[in-house]
Amino acid sequence: MHQINLFSMRSTLLLMCNILKWSPCFIGPFPIIEVNMETSTYRLELTEEYKIHAVFHAGLLKSASPNDPTLFPVREPPPPDPVFAEEKNTKMNQY
């Protein structure tokens, strides 16, 4: 089944975070249920968290493509170098 991403319209209905600037431009992917070629609209299978109408114009949709693990492998940062504490000459060390 083909997957589609939906333009979030940066609307407060679809915000994933409180700051508009950091909210995602597209949400999804969602499966396509129905296509109406005469009006260029698509009915998507939205999850329960989205309380909006499920029919959208093609201009608000973008084809979803999965990540390619050969191009973008899972990367783990190298562990940091060990940190050694240096002993300082203080009054407590002198006694």
Protein backbone atom coordinates (compact mmCIF):
# COMPACT_ATOMS: atom_id res chain seq x y z
CA MET A 1 0.00 0.00 0.00
CA HIS A 2 1.32 3.45 -0.91
CA GLN A 3 2.11 5.84 1.94
CA ILE A 4 1.63 9.62 1.86
CA ASN A 5 2.84 12.46 4.10
CA LEU A 6 0.41 15.28 4.88
CA PHE A 7 1.42 18.96 4.97
CA SER A 8 0.80 20.01 8.56
CA MET A 9 -0.23 23.55 7.55
CA ARG A 10 1.61 24.55 10.73
CA SER A 11 -1.80 24.59 12.32
CA THR A 12 -2.48 24.37 16.03
CA LEU A 13 -4.66 21.33 15.32
CA LEU A 14 -1.68 19.32 14.11
CA LEU A 15 1.14 20.71 16.24
CA MET A 16 3.44 18.17 17.83
CA CYS A 17 5.20 20.79 19.95
CA ASN A 18 4.29 24.12 21.49
CA ILE A 19 6.62 26.17 19.29
CA LEU A 20 5.26 26.71 15.79
CA LYS A 21 8.72 27.13 14.29
CA TRP A 22 9.84 23.67 15.49
CA SER A 23 6.72 21.80 14.46
CA PRO A 24 7.12 19.38 11.52
CA CYS A 25 6.15 20.59 8.05
CA PHE A 26 4.79 17.16 7.11
CA ILE A 27 3.21 14.50 9.28
CA GLY A 28 2.69 10.86 8.51
CA PRO A 29 3.06 8.62 6.65
CA PHE A 30 -0.59 7.63 6.24
CA PRO A 31 -2.07 4.96 3.96
CA ILE A 32 -4.33 6.09 1.10
CA ILE A 33 -7.88 4.73 1.32
CA GLU A 34 -9.52 6.38 -1.70
CA VAL A 35 -8.52 8.59 -4.66
CA ASN A 36 -10.85 10.93 -6.57
CA MET A 37 -9.09 11.89 -9.80
CA GLU A 38 -11.80 14.39 -10.86
CA THR A 39 -11.21 16.63 -7.86
CA SER A 40 -7.58 15.59 -7.12
CA THR A 41 -8.48 14.60 -3.57
CA TYR A 42 -7.24 11.73 -1.45
CA ARG A 43 -8.84 10.10 1.57
CA LEU A 44 -6.23 9.07 4.13
CA GLU A 45 -6.43 6.64 7.02
CA LEU A 46 -5.64 9.01 9.88
CA THR A 47 -4.97 7.83 13.41
CA GLU A 48 -7.32 8.66 16.28
CA GLU A 49 -5.16 11.53 17.54
CA TYR A 50 -6.02 13.65 14.49
CA LYS A 51 -9.54 14.95 14.85
CA ILE A 52 -9.77 16.42 11.35
CA HIS A 53 -11.52 15.54 8.10
CA ALA A 54 -9.62 12.78 6.27
CA VAL A 55 -9.95 14.11 2.67
CA PHE A 56 -7.13 16.33 1.34
CA HIS A 57 -6.22 17.96 -1.97
CA ALA A 58 -3.17 16.56 -3.78
CA GLY A 59 -1.33 19.86 -3.23
CA LEU A 60 -1.15 19.16 0.50
CA LEU A 61 0.37 15.70 0.08
CA LYS A 62 3.86 14.41 -0.56
CA SER A 63 4.88 10.85 -1.34
CA ALA A 64 6.52 9.15 1.63
CA SER A 65 9.78 7.34 1.07
CA PRO A 66 11.39 5.10 3.69
CA ASN A 67 14.91 5.75 4.92
CA ASP A 68 17.61 3.82 3.08
CA PRO A 69 19.83 2.11 5.69
CA THR A 70 22.65 1.68 3.16
CA LEU A 71 22.86 5.45 2.62
CA PHE A 72 22.17 6.42 6.23
CA PRO A 73 23.36 3.66 8.55
CA VAL A 74 22.67 3.84 12.24
CA ARG A 75 25.53 5.78 13.67
CA GLU A 76 26.62 5.79 17.26
CA PRO A 77 28.94 8.56 18.41
CA PRO A 78 32.28 7.38 19.75
CA PRO A 79 32.57 7.30 23.54
CA PRO A 80 34.24 10.34 25.10
CA ASP A 81 37.84 10.22 26.25
CA PRO A 82 38.32 9.38 29.93
CA VAL A 83 38.70 12.30 32.28
CA PHE A 84 41.27 12.05 35.06
CA ALA A 85 41.08 14.30 38.09
CA GLU A 86 44.30 16.12 38.95
CA GLU A 87 45.32 16.39 42.56
CA LYS A 88 45.86 19.96 43.65
CA ASN A 89 47.90 21.12 46.58
CA THR A 90 45.36 22.48 48.97
CA LYS A 91 45.43 22.93 52.72
CA MET A 92 43.41 19.72 53.13
CA ASN A 93 46.01 17.67 51.24
CA GLN A 94 48.86 19.05 53.35
CA TYR A 95 47.55 17.61 56.64
